[in-house]
Amino acid sequence: MNKDNLLETARKLLSHESEAITAAADRLGEPFHRALEFLNDCRGKVIVTGLGKSGIAAKKIAATLASTGAPALFLHSAEAIHGDMGVVSAGDVAICLSYSGETKELIELLPRFKRLGVPIIAMTGNETSSLARLADCVLDVSVPSYSWPYGLLPTASSAATVAVGDALAVALLVSRGVNEENFAMLHPGGLLGHKMLVMVRDLMHTGEALPLVKRETGMRQVLMKMTAKRLGVTCIIDDNRRLEGVITDGDLRRLLEQSTNPLDLTAEEAMTANPKTIEPEALCARALRIMETKKITSLPVIDKTGALTGLIHMHDILRMETGK
């Protein structure tokens, strides 16, 4: 088989997985709400269990739930029936994964869950299976049967199962009102935790480092100011230091393309009015998200009176991990 055929095989597989996730999303409804109710009402642990590839998916779902603050753990279905069931107690919630819904080791756990009053959330591709019949709610992760070689491994079903598990975790996060500060406490190490705990005021450029001009400033001076301060942007302020607009490197490139004499313009004629801003007390994580969403590299920092107090650049946030 040549390289092009192999690439086509890979693309078809990814397409199948994408279609499986989209189909799972379309099927979300009342059972998903019911599952969230069980998870929100949980006063113990979330036990996620499965075997084989479903077990691997269960590990991922348990890890994702734990990272959002839910006390979740993975329970190997086969080990559970040989003693590990001792980790389960009243007040827990069980998420059981089995695509066929007939995995023997997992089915044997269900009466024990029932005896402890543990609600069972099933994730299965067979809504008429033993697992589905015994569960308190069923999340359908079924996928079409694919021809060789796509049906050889449970790739699409695993992708759909993990995706629905991620959806549960994120929905639970939102429903519990977890904010960025709470989330940061669960991720104290590395770039993620550092970005989310540091405030904009801790990293923003201030004072003489700020590239500031007035409305009437000519573009030659604007360009010189931007070059000197090396932040890729110039801020236009009034006499009370209130921000009136910005001119970025991108704005300059567009001016060169659209105007015959861009250097004859004033800052007011070239600026972008009402730019996106952020407050000094905001977290750097929020600043980075705004910049990534808006496809910009810097944000003016505005106080409660509308006065410009600083400027934060994307590179300042990304450099936090290394301290450079």
C-alpha atoms as a PDB file:
ATOM      1  CA  MET A   1       0.000   0.000   0.000  1.00  0.00           C
ATOM      2  CA  ASN A   2       1.442   3.376  -0.949  1.00  0.00           C
ATOM      3  CA  LYS A   3       1.738   6.419   1.310  1.00  0.00           C
ATOM      4  CA  ASP A   4      -1.315   8.152  -0.134  1.00  0.00           C
ATOM      5  CA  ASN A   5      -3.498   5.130   0.596  1.00  0.00           C
ATOM      6  CA  LEU A   6      -2.202   4.967   4.158  1.00  0.00           C
ATOM      7  CA  LEU A   7      -2.966   8.627   4.672  1.00  0.00           C
ATOM      8  CA  GLU A   8      -6.465   8.087   3.327  1.00  0.00           C
ATOM      9  CA  THR A   9      -6.941   5.178   5.741  1.00  0.00           C
ATOM     10  CA  ALA A  10      -5.876   7.385   8.643  1.00  0.00           C
ATOM     11  CA  ARG A  11      -8.133  10.240   7.535  1.00  0.00           C
ATOM     12  CA  LYS A  12     -11.130   7.915   7.249  1.00  0.00           C
ATOM     13  CA  LEU A  13     -10.520   6.619  10.760  1.00  0.00           C
ATOM     14  CA  LEU A  14     -10.358  10.143  12.167  1.00  0.00           C
ATOM     15  CA  SER A  15     -13.511  10.985  10.240  1.00  0.00           C
ATOM     16  CA  HIS A  16     -15.269   7.972  11.769  1.00  0.00           C
ATOM     17  CA  GLU A  17     -14.218   9.083  15.251  1.00  0.00           C
ATOM     18  CA  SER A  18     -15.377  12.636  14.579  1.00  0.00           C
ATOM     19  CA  GLU A  19     -18.754  11.381  13.334  1.00  0.00           C
ATOM     20  CA  ALA A  20     -19.104   9.166  16.409  1.00  0.00           C
ATOM     21  CA  ILE A  21     -18.518  12.110  18.752  1.00  0.00           C
ATOM     22  CA  THR A  22     -20.945  14.326  16.814  1.00  0.00           C
ATOM     23  CA  ALA A  23     -23.593  11.606  16.949  1.00  0.00           C
ATOM     24  CA  ALA A  24     -23.055  11.198  20.694  1.00  0.00           C
ATOM     25  CA  ALA A  25     -23.463  14.958  21.141  1.00  0.00           C
ATOM     26  CA  ASP A  26     -26.732  14.906  19.205  1.00  0.00           C
ATOM     27  CA  ARG A  27     -28.085  12.160  21.485  1.00  0.00           C
ATOM     28  CA  LEU A  28     -27.430  14.027  24.736  1.00  0.00           C
ATOM     29  CA  GLY A  29     -30.673  14.752  26.541  1.00  0.00           C
ATOM     30  CA  GLU A  30     -32.537  13.868  29.701  1.00  0.00           C
ATOM     31  CA  PRO A  31     -30.223  10.957  30.661  1.00  0.00           C
ATOM     32  CA  PHE A  32     -27.297  13.405  30.612  1.00  0.00           C
ATOM     33  CA  HIS A  33     -29.208  15.753  32.958  1.00  0.00           C
ATOM     34  CA  ARG A  34     -29.983  12.776  35.198  1.00  0.00           C
ATOM     35  CA  ALA A  35     -26.318  11.781  35.307  1.00  0.00           C
ATOM     36  CA  LEU A  36     -25.369  15.348  36.280  1.00  0.00           C
ATOM     37  CA  GLU A  37     -27.955  15.275  39.064  1.00  0.00           C
ATOM     38  CA  PHE A  38     -26.396  12.115  40.489  1.00  0.00           C
ATOM     39  CA  LEU A  39     -22.910  13.631  40.292  1.00  0.00           C
ATOM     40  CA  ASN A  40     -23.979  16.944  41.833  1.00  0.00           C
ATOM     41  CA  ASP A  41     -25.756  15.132  44.662  1.00  0.00           C
ATOM     42  CA  CYS A  42     -22.794  12.820  45.293  1.00  0.00           C
ATOM     43  CA  ARG A  43     -21.505  13.143  48.858  1.00  0.00           C
ATOM     44  CA  GLY A  44     -18.878  10.487  48.480  1.00  0.00           C
ATOM     45  CA  LYS A  45     -16.671   9.434  45.580  1.00  0.00           C
ATOM     46  CA  VAL A  46     -17.284   8.990  41.880  1.00  0.00           C
ATOM     47  CA  ILE A  47     -16.275   5.417  41.048  1.00  0.00           C
ATOM     48  CA  VAL A  48     -15.496   4.961  37.355  1.00  0.00           C
ATOM     49  CA  THR A  49     -15.140   1.332  36.332  1.00  0.00           C
ATOM     50  CA  GLY A  50     -14.552  -0.703  33.197  1.00  0.00           C
ATOM     51  CA  LEU A  51     -12.417  -3.443  31.675  1.00  0.00           C
ATOM     52  CA  GLY A  52     -10.149  -3.588  28.624  1.00  0.00           C
ATOM     53  CA  LYS A  53     -10.406  -0.552  26.335  1.00  0.00           C
ATOM     54  CA  SER A  54     -13.416   0.592  28.355  1.00  0.00           C
ATOM     55  CA  GLY A  55     -11.185   0.421  31.414  1.00  0.00           C
ATOM     56  CA  ILE A  56      -8.660   2.709  29.753  1.00  0.00           C
ATOM     57  CA  ALA A  57     -11.453   5.140  28.888  1.00  0.00           C
ATOM     58  CA  ALA A  58     -12.674   4.888  32.483  1.00  0.00           C
ATOM     59  CA  LYS A  59      -9.217   5.873  33.752  1.00  0.00           C
ATOM     60  CA  LYS A  60      -9.258   8.949  31.537  1.00  0.00           C
ATOM     61  CA  ILE A  61     -12.749   9.966  32.681  1.00  0.00           C
ATOM     62  CA  ALA A  62     -11.841   9.475  36.351  1.00  0.00           C
ATOM     63  CA  ALA A  63      -8.704  11.582  35.908  1.00  0.00           C
ATOM     64  CA  THR A  64     -10.647  14.364  34.167  1.00  0.00           C
ATOM     65  CA  LEU A  65     -13.329  14.403  36.865  1.00  0.00           C
ATOM     66  CA  ALA A  66     -10.665  14.512  39.592  1.00  0.00           C
ATOM     67  CA  SER A  67      -8.953  17.445  37.868  1.00  0.00           C
ATOM     68  CA  THR A  68     -12.198  19.434  38.125  1.00  0.00           C
ATOM     69  CA  GLY A  69     -12.544  18.852  41.865  1.00  0.00           C
ATOM     70  CA  ALA A  70     -14.787  15.789  41.861  1.00  0.00           C
ATOM     71  CA  PRO A  71     -13.331  13.066  44.168  1.00  0.00           C
ATOM     72  CA  ALA A  72     -13.184  10.446  41.417  1.00  0.00           C
ATOM     73  CA  LEU A  73     -11.183   7.256  41.154  1.00  0.00           C
ATOM     74  CA  PHE A  74     -10.823   4.379  38.702  1.00  0.00           C
ATOM     75  CA  LEU A  75     -11.877   0.902  39.811  1.00  0.00           C
ATOM     76  CA  HIS A  76     -10.718  -2.048  37.700  1.00  0.00           C
ATOM     77  CA  SER A  77     -13.787  -4.239  37.245  1.00  0.00           C
ATOM     78  CA  ALA A  78     -11.891  -7.531  37.522  1.00  0.00           C
ATOM     79  CA  GLU A  79      -9.932  -6.432  40.592  1.00  0.00           C
ATOM     80  CA  ALA A  80     -13.124  -5.132  42.189  1.00  0.00           C
ATOM     81  CA  ILE A  81     -14.702  -8.583  42.384  1.00  0.00           C
ATOM     82  CA  HIS A  82     -11.534  -9.872  44.085  1.00  0.00           C
ATOM     83  CA  GLY A  83     -11.431  -7.396  46.972  1.00  0.00           C
ATOM     84  CA  ASP A  84     -11.109  -3.863  45.592  1.00  0.00           C
ATOM     85  CA  MET A  85     -14.858  -3.339  45.973  1.00  0.00           C
ATOM     86  CA  GLY A  86     -13.936  -2.227  49.491  1.00  0.00           C
ATOM     87  CA  VAL A  87     -13.263   1.294  48.193  1.00  0.00           C
ATOM     88  CA  VAL A  88     -16.973   1.722  47.401  1.00  0.00           C
ATOM     89  CA  SER A  89     -19.298   3.011  50.092  1.00  0.00           C
ATOM     90  CA  ALA A  90     -22.772   4.480  50.531  1.00  0.00           C
ATOM     91  CA  GLY A  91     -22.909   8.011  49.154  1.00  0.00           C
ATOM     92  CA  ASP A  92     -20.770   7.193  46.112  1.00  0.00           C
ATOM     93  CA  VAL A  93     -21.853   7.299  42.471  1.00  0.00           C
ATOM     94  CA  ALA A  94     -20.727   4.697  39.928  1.00  0.00           C
ATOM     95  CA  ILE A  95     -20.029   5.342  36.257  1.00  0.00           C
ATOM     96  CA  CYS A  96     -19.866   1.959  34.511  1.00  0.00           C
ATOM     97  CA  LEU A  97     -18.343   1.581  31.042  1.00  0.00           C
ATOM     98  CA  SER A  98     -19.004  -1.383  28.771  1.00  0.00           C
ATOM     99  CA  TYR A  99     -19.710  -0.986  25.087  1.00  0.00           C
ATOM    100  CA  SER A 100     -21.494  -4.333  24.859  1.00  0.00           C
ATOM    101  CA  GLY A 101     -23.113  -3.812  28.239  1.00  0.00           C
ATOM    102  CA  GLU A 102     -22.477  -7.479  28.989  1.00  0.00           C
ATOM    103  CA  THR A 103     -18.932  -7.480  30.423  1.00  0.00           C
ATOM    104  CA  LYS A 104     -19.177 -10.280  32.997  1.00  0.00           C
ATOM    105  CA  GLU A 105     -16.867  -8.793  35.613  1.00  0.00           C
ATOM    106  CA  LEU A 106     -18.645  -5.434  35.485  1.00  0.00           C
ATOM    107  CA  ILE A 107     -22.151  -6.926  35.580  1.00  0.00           C
ATOM    108  CA  GLU A 108     -21.192  -8.782  38.766  1.00  0.00           C
ATOM    109  CA  LEU A 109     -20.502  -5.448  40.452  1.00  0.00           C
ATOM    110  CA  LEU A 110     -23.945  -4.006  39.822  1.00  0.00           C
ATOM    111  CA  PRO A 111     -25.834  -5.874  42.613  1.00  0.00           C
ATOM    112  CA  ARG A 112     -23.147  -4.731  45.055  1.00  0.00           C
ATOM    113  CA  PHE A 113     -23.611  -1.123  43.952  1.00  0.00           C
ATOM    114  CA  LYS A 114     -27.364  -1.554  44.340  1.00  0.00           C
ATOM    115  CA  ARG A 115     -26.984  -2.988  47.827  1.00  0.00           C
ATOM    116  CA  LEU A 116     -25.018   0.080  48.913  1.00  0.00           C
ATOM    117  CA  GLY A 117     -27.529   2.443  47.320  1.00  0.00           C
ATOM    118  CA  VAL A 118     -24.936   3.683  44.824  1.00  0.00           C
ATOM    119  CA  PRO A 119     -26.557   5.221  41.709  1.00  0.00           C
ATOM    120  CA  ILE A 120     -25.291   3.647  38.487  1.00  0.00           C
ATOM    121  CA  ILE A 121     -24.572   5.747  35.393  1.00  0.00           C
ATOM    122  CA  ALA A 122     -24.061   3.436  32.415  1.00  0.00           C
ATOM    123  CA  MET A 123     -22.028   4.384  29.354  1.00  0.00           C
ATOM    124  CA  THR A 124     -22.739   1.735  26.747  1.00  0.00           C
ATOM    125  CA  GLY A 125     -23.402   1.161  23.088  1.00  0.00           C
ATOM    126  CA  ASN A 126     -26.223  -1.283  23.807  1.00  0.00           C
ATOM    127  CA  GLU A 127     -29.317   0.215  25.426  1.00  0.00           C
ATOM    128  CA  THR A 128     -30.971  -3.219  25.777  1.00  0.00           C
ATOM    129  CA  SER A 129     -28.003  -4.792  27.578  1.00  0.00           C
ATOM    130  CA  SER A 130     -27.844  -6.054  31.159  1.00  0.00           C
ATOM    131  CA  LEU A 131     -25.873  -2.963  32.161  1.00  0.00           C
ATOM    132  CA  ALA A 132     -28.465  -0.635  30.647  1.00  0.00           C
ATOM    133  CA  ARG A 133     -31.354  -2.477  32.293  1.00  0.00           C
ATOM    134  CA  LEU A 134     -29.775  -2.327  35.750  1.00  0.00           C
ATOM    135  CA  ALA A 135     -28.479   1.259  35.525  1.00  0.00           C
ATOM    136  CA  ASP A 136     -30.236   4.326  36.907  1.00  0.00           C
ATOM    137  CA  CYS A 137     -29.470   6.255  33.728  1.00  0.00           C
ATOM    138  CA  VAL A 138     -27.903   5.314  30.408  1.00  0.00           C
ATOM    139  CA  LEU A 139     -25.625   7.438  28.236  1.00  0.00           C
ATOM    140  CA  ASP A 140     -25.685   6.095  24.688  1.00  0.00           C
ATOM    141  CA  VAL A 141     -22.181   5.956  23.148  1.00  0.00           C
ATOM    142  CA  SER A 142     -23.085   3.618  20.285  1.00  0.00           C
ATOM    143  CA  VAL A 143     -21.358   3.934  16.911  1.00  0.00           C
ATOM    144  CA  PRO A 144     -22.044   2.354  13.500  1.00  0.00           C
ATOM    145  CA  SER A 145     -20.333  -0.908  12.605  1.00  0.00           C
ATOM    146  CA  TYR A 146     -17.445  -0.177  10.277  1.00  0.00           C
ATOM    147  CA  SER A 147     -15.915  -2.388   7.608  1.00  0.00           C
ATOM    148  CA  TRP A 148     -12.372  -3.733   7.758  1.00  0.00           C
ATOM    149  CA  PRO A 149     -10.042  -2.424   9.106  1.00  0.00           C
ATOM    150  CA  TYR A 150     -11.998   0.320  10.882  1.00  0.00           C
ATOM    151  CA  GLY A 151     -14.105  -2.028  12.971  1.00  0.00           C
ATOM    152  CA  LEU A 152     -11.129  -4.080  14.124  1.00  0.00           C
ATOM    153  CA  LEU A 153     -10.407  -1.900  17.165  1.00  0.00           C
ATOM    154  CA  PRO A 154     -12.888   0.076  19.300  1.00  0.00           C
ATOM    155  CA  THR A 155     -11.462   3.394  18.180  1.00  0.00           C
ATOM    156  CA  ALA A 156     -14.652   5.309  17.374  1.00  0.00           C
ATOM    157  CA  SER A 157     -16.519   3.938  20.394  1.00  0.00           C
ATOM    158  CA  SER A 158     -13.609   4.774  22.702  1.00  0.00           C
ATOM    159  CA  ALA A 159     -13.437   8.290  21.285  1.00  0.00           C
ATOM    160  CA  ALA A 160     -17.175   8.803  21.784  1.00  0.00           C
ATOM    161  CA  THR A 161     -17.049   7.387  25.323  1.00  0.00           C
ATOM    162  CA  VAL A 162     -14.150   9.594  26.413  1.00  0.00           C
ATOM    163  CA  ALA A 163     -15.778  12.634  24.778  1.00  0.00           C
ATOM    164  CA  VAL A 164     -19.051  12.083  26.651  1.00  0.00           C
ATOM    165  CA  GLY A 165     -17.042  11.654  29.852  1.00  0.00           C
ATOM    166  CA  ASP A 166     -15.306  14.975  29.155  1.00  0.00           C
ATOM    167  CA  ALA A 167     -18.716  16.566  28.558  1.00  0.00           C
ATOM    168  CA  LEU A 168     -19.899  15.303  31.940  1.00  0.00           C
ATOM    169  CA  ALA A 169     -16.816  16.708  33.668  1.00  0.00           C
ATOM    170  CA  VAL A 170     -17.098  20.148  32.069  1.00  0.00           C
ATOM    171  CA  ALA A 171     -20.854  20.368  32.665  1.00  0.00           C
ATOM    172  CA  LEU A 172     -20.276  19.389  36.295  1.00  0.00           C
ATOM    173  CA  LEU A 173     -17.570  22.048  36.586  1.00  0.00           C
ATOM    174  CA  VAL A 174     -19.939  24.729  35.283  1.00  0.00           C
ATOM    175  CA  SER A 175     -22.931  23.574  37.317  1.00  0.00           C
ATOM    176  CA  ARG A 176     -20.896  23.747  40.524  1.00  0.00           C
ATOM    177  CA  GLY A 177     -19.768  27.290  39.756  1.00  0.00           C
ATOM    178  CA  VAL A 178     -16.075  26.427  39.831  1.00  0.00           C
ATOM    179  CA  ASN A 179     -14.072  29.532  38.888  1.00  0.00           C
ATOM    180  CA  GLU A 180     -10.515  29.993  37.671  1.00  0.00           C
ATOM    181  CA  GLU A 181      -9.122  30.436  41.183  1.00  0.00           C
ATOM    182  CA  ASN A 182     -10.735  27.187  42.381  1.00  0.00           C
ATOM    183  CA  PHE A 183      -9.456  25.369  39.317  1.00  0.00           C
ATOM    184  CA  ALA A 184      -5.943  26.723  39.835  1.00  0.00           C
ATOM    185  CA  MET A 185      -5.814  25.181  43.311  1.00  0.00           C
ATOM    186  CA  LEU A 186      -6.157  21.763  41.664  1.00  0.00           C
ATOM    187  CA  HIS A 187      -3.299  22.470  39.211  1.00  0.00           C
ATOM    188  CA  PRO A 188      -0.599  24.181  41.284  1.00  0.00           C
ATOM    189  CA  GLY A 189       2.322  22.848  39.285  1.00  0.00           C
ATOM    190  CA  GLY A 190       3.680  23.914  35.918  1.00  0.00           C
ATOM    191  CA  LEU A 191       2.495  26.587  33.545  1.00  0.00           C
ATOM    192  CA  LEU A 192      -1.214  25.967  34.050  1.00  0.00           C
ATOM    193  CA  GLY A 193      -1.196  26.597  37.775  1.00  0.00           C
ATOM    194  CA  HIS A 194       1.217  29.521  37.557  1.00  0.00           C
ATOM    195  CA  LYS A 195      -0.739  31.283  34.808  1.00  0.00           C
ATOM    196  CA  MET A 196      -3.988  30.886  36.650  1.00  0.00           C
ATOM    197  CA  LEU A 197      -2.774  32.196  40.012  1.00  0.00           C
ATOM    198  CA  VAL A 198      -0.807  35.228  38.809  1.00  0.00           C
ATOM    199  CA  MET A 199      -2.720  38.457  38.302  1.00  0.00           C
ATOM    200  CA  VAL A 200      -2.344  40.854  35.393  1.00  0.00           C
ATOM    201  CA  ARG A 201      -0.976  43.569  37.684  1.00  0.00           C
ATOM    202  CA  ASP A 202       1.943  41.284  38.554  1.00  0.00           C
ATOM    203  CA  LEU A 203       3.138  41.072  34.943  1.00  0.00           C
ATOM    204  CA  MET A 204       1.949  44.224  33.201  1.00  0.00           C
ATOM    205  CA  HIS A 205       4.296  46.876  31.835  1.00  0.00           C
ATOM    206  CA  THR A 206       3.908  50.253  33.520  1.00  0.00           C
ATOM    207  CA  GLY A 207       5.376  53.742  33.669  1.00  0.00           C
ATOM    208  CA  GLU A 208       8.091  54.585  31.178  1.00  0.00           C
ATOM    209  CA  ALA A 209       7.754  51.181  29.533  1.00  0.00           C
ATOM    210  CA  LEU A 210       4.356  52.115  28.111  1.00  0.00           C
ATOM    211  CA  PRO A 211       4.117  53.351  24.495  1.00  0.00           C
ATOM    212  CA  LEU A 212       1.759  56.349  24.860  1.00  0.00           C
ATOM    213  CA  VAL A 213       0.717  59.008  22.347  1.00  0.00           C
ATOM    214  CA  LYS A 214      -2.096  61.531  21.879  1.00  0.00           C
ATOM    215  CA  ARG A 215      -4.756  61.660  19.153  1.00  0.00           C
ATOM    216  CA  GLU A 216      -2.944  64.372  17.202  1.00  0.00           C
ATOM    217  CA  THR A 217       0.415  62.567  17.169  1.00  0.00           C
ATOM    218  CA  GLY A 218       1.689  61.902  13.655  1.00  0.00           C
ATOM    219  CA  MET A 219       2.252  58.359  12.448  1.00  0.00           C
ATOM    220  CA  ARG A 220       6.006  58.884  12.179  1.00  0.00           C
ATOM    221  CA  GLN A 221       6.132  59.537  15.929  1.00  0.00           C
ATOM    222  CA  VAL A 222       3.733  56.658  16.565  1.00  0.00           C
ATOM    223  CA  LEU A 223       6.030  54.311  14.690  1.00  0.00           C
ATOM    224  CA  MET A 224       9.082  55.580  16.570  1.00  0.00           C
ATOM    225  CA  LYS A 225       7.321  55.121  19.895  1.00  0.00           C
ATOM    226  CA  MET A 226       6.204  51.597  19.004  1.00  0.00           C
ATOM    227  CA  THR A 227       9.710  50.656  17.902  1.00  0.00           C
ATOM    228  CA  ALA A 228      11.319  52.103  21.017  1.00  0.00           C
ATOM    229  CA  LYS A 229       9.026  50.347  23.514  1.00  0.00           C
ATOM    230  CA  ARG A 230       9.109  47.005  21.640  1.00  0.00           C
ATOM    231  CA  LEU A 231       5.625  45.839  22.651  1.00  0.00           C
ATOM    232  CA  GLY A 232       4.096  45.777  19.174  1.00  0.00           C
ATOM    233  CA  VAL A 233       1.446  48.332  20.078  1.00  0.00           C
ATOM    234  CA  THR A 234       0.963  52.016  20.872  1.00  0.00           C
ATOM    235  CA  CYS A 235      -1.810  53.289  23.156  1.00  0.00           C
ATOM    236  CA  ILE A 236      -3.628  56.536  22.440  1.00  0.00           C
ATOM    237  CA  ILE A 237      -4.706  58.388  25.608  1.00  0.00           C
ATOM    238  CA  ASP A 238      -6.394  61.693  26.447  1.00  0.00           C
ATOM    239  CA  ASP A 239      -5.202  64.310  28.928  1.00  0.00           C
ATOM    240  CA  ASN A 240      -6.701  62.312  31.812  1.00  0.00           C
ATOM    241  CA  ARG A 241      -4.857  59.160  30.678  1.00  0.00           C
ATOM    242  CA  ARG A 242      -8.087  57.502  29.579  1.00  0.00           C
ATOM    243  CA  LEU A 243      -7.574  55.028  26.751  1.00  0.00           C
ATOM    244  CA  GLU A 244      -9.023  56.162  23.429  1.00  0.00           C
ATOM    245  CA  GLY A 245      -7.579  53.562  21.089  1.00  0.00           C
ATOM    246  CA  VAL A 246      -4.590  51.446  20.068  1.00  0.00           C
ATOM    247  CA  ILE A 247      -2.400  51.011  17.004  1.00  0.00           C
ATOM    248  CA  THR A 248      -0.767  47.619  16.561  1.00  0.00           C
ATOM    249  CA  ASP A 249       1.834  46.159  14.234  1.00  0.00           C
ATOM    250  CA  GLY A 250      -1.052  44.632  12.314  1.00  0.00           C
ATOM    251  CA  ASP A 251      -2.730  48.014  11.961  1.00  0.00           C
ATOM    252  CA  LEU A 252       0.465  49.426  10.488  1.00  0.00           C
ATOM    253  CA  ARG A 253       0.695  46.633   7.924  1.00  0.00           C
ATOM    254  CA  ARG A 254      -2.917  47.207   6.893  1.00  0.00           C
ATOM    255  CA  LEU A 255      -2.282  50.953   6.567  1.00  0.00           C
ATOM    256  CA  LEU A 256       0.664  50.313   4.268  1.00  0.00           C
ATOM    257  CA  GLU A 257      -1.590  48.185   2.056  1.00  0.00           C
ATOM    258  CA  GLN A 258      -4.598  50.505   2.064  1.00  0.00           C
ATOM    259  CA  SER A 259      -3.210  54.035   2.251  1.00  0.00           C
ATOM    260  CA  THR A 260      -0.966  55.800  -0.254  1.00  0.00           C
ATOM    261  CA  ASN A 261       0.567  58.037   2.431  1.00  0.00           C
ATOM    262  CA  PRO A 262       0.112  56.291   5.810  1.00  0.00           C
ATOM    263  CA  LEU A 263       2.800  58.360   7.509  1.00  0.00           C
ATOM    264  CA  ASP A 264       0.801  61.526   6.823  1.00  0.00           C
ATOM    265  CA  LEU A 265      -2.026  60.307   9.057  1.00  0.00           C
ATOM    266  CA  THR A 266      -2.530  61.115  12.742  1.00  0.00           C
ATOM    267  CA  ALA A 267      -2.882  58.531  15.499  1.00  0.00           C
ATOM    268  CA  GLU A 268      -6.608  59.280  15.669  1.00  0.00           C
ATOM    269  CA  GLU A 269      -7.032  58.497  11.977  1.00  0.00           C
ATOM    270  CA  ALA A 270      -5.179  55.204  12.237  1.00  0.00           C
ATOM    271  CA  MET A 271      -6.181  53.869  15.648  1.00  0.00           C
ATOM    272  CA  THR A 272      -8.628  51.133  16.555  1.00  0.00           C
ATOM    273  CA  ALA A 273     -11.126  52.740  18.913  1.00  0.00           C
ATOM    274  CA  ASN A 274     -12.659  50.895  21.883  1.00  0.00           C
ATOM    275  CA  PRO A 275     -10.051  48.117  21.980  1.00  0.00           C
ATOM    276  CA  LYS A 276     -10.352  45.054  24.167  1.00  0.00           C
ATOM    277  CA  THR A 277      -9.025  45.758  27.686  1.00  0.00           C
ATOM    278  CA  ILE A 278      -8.593  44.017  31.010  1.00  0.00           C
ATOM    279  CA  GLU A 279      -8.470  45.062  34.662  1.00  0.00           C
ATOM    280  CA  PRO A 280      -5.327  44.775  36.854  1.00  0.00           C
ATOM    281  CA  GLU A 281      -6.976  42.281  39.254  1.00  0.00           C
ATOM    282  CA  ALA A 282      -7.837  39.809  36.487  1.00  0.00           C
ATOM    283  CA  LEU A 283      -5.979  36.521  36.308  1.00  0.00           C
ATOM    284  CA  CYS A 284      -3.344  36.063  33.629  1.00  0.00           C
ATOM    285  CA  ALA A 285      -5.252  32.985  32.472  1.00  0.00           C
ATOM    286  CA  ARG A 286      -8.171  35.204  31.509  1.00  0.00           C
ATOM    287  CA  ALA A 287      -5.877  37.686  29.751  1.00  0.00           C
ATOM    288  CA  LEU A 288      -4.289  34.888  27.736  1.00  0.00           C
ATOM    289  CA  ARG A 289      -7.681  33.480  26.781  1.00  0.00           C
ATOM    290  CA  ILE A 290      -8.838  36.891  25.526  1.00  0.00           C
ATOM    291  CA  MET A 291      -5.690  37.353  23.467  1.00  0.00           C
ATOM    292  CA  GLU A 292      -5.924  33.888  21.960  1.00  0.00           C
ATOM    293  CA  THR A 293      -9.628  34.340  21.162  1.00  0.00           C
ATOM    294  CA  LYS A 294      -9.215  37.798  19.653  1.00  0.00           C
ATOM    295  CA  LYS A 295      -5.920  36.870  17.947  1.00  0.00           C
ATOM    296  CA  ILE A 296      -4.037  39.754  19.518  1.00  0.00           C
ATOM    297  CA  THR A 297      -0.731  39.795  21.402  1.00  0.00           C
ATOM    298  CA  SER A 298      -1.306  42.498  24.018  1.00  0.00           C
ATOM    299  CA  LEU A 299      -4.031  44.002  26.206  1.00  0.00           C
ATOM    300  CA  PRO A 300      -4.250  47.506  27.684  1.00  0.00           C
ATOM    301  CA  VAL A 301      -4.885  47.363  31.425  1.00  0.00           C
ATOM    302  CA  ILE A 302      -7.584  49.776  32.621  1.00  0.00           C
ATOM    303  CA  ASP A 303      -8.532  50.758  36.166  1.00  0.00           C
ATOM    304  CA  LYS A 304     -12.083  51.432  37.384  1.00  0.00           C
ATOM    305  CA  THR A 305     -11.971  55.047  36.168  1.00  0.00           C
ATOM    306  CA  GLY A 306     -11.020  54.019  32.637  1.00  0.00           C
ATOM    307  CA  ALA A 307      -7.449  55.236  33.008  1.00  0.00           C
ATOM    308  CA  LEU A 308      -4.651  53.248  31.425  1.00  0.00           C
ATOM    309  CA  THR A 309      -2.466  51.707  34.130  1.00  0.00           C
ATOM    310  CA  GLY A 310      -0.459  49.174  32.171  1.00  0.00           C
ATOM    311  CA  LEU A 311      -0.082  46.835  29.234  1.00  0.00           C
ATOM    312  CA  ILE A 312       0.252  43.051  29.321  1.00  0.00           C
ATOM    313  CA  HIS A 313       1.815  41.088  26.474  1.00  0.00           C
ATOM    314  CA  MET A 314       1.154  37.463  25.610  1.00  0.00           C
ATOM    315  CA  HIS A 315       4.867  36.643  25.722  1.00  0.00           C
ATOM    316  CA  ASP A 316       5.059  37.804  29.343  1.00  0.00           C
ATOM    317  CA  ILE A 317       2.504  35.167  30.311  1.00  0.00           C
ATOM    318  CA  LEU A 318       4.034  32.399  28.218  1.00  0.00           C
ATOM    319  CA  ARG A 319       7.473  33.080  29.717  1.00  0.00           C
ATOM    320  CA  MET A 320       6.231  32.500  33.263  1.00  0.00           C
ATOM    321  CA  GLU A 321       6.985  28.786  33.212  1.00  0.00           C
ATOM    322  CA  THR A 322      10.684  29.239  32.568  1.00  0.00           C
ATOM    323  CA  GLY A 323      11.071  32.467  34.498  1.00  0.00           C
ATOM    324  CA  LYS A 324      12.924  34.053  31.591  1.00  0.00           C
END
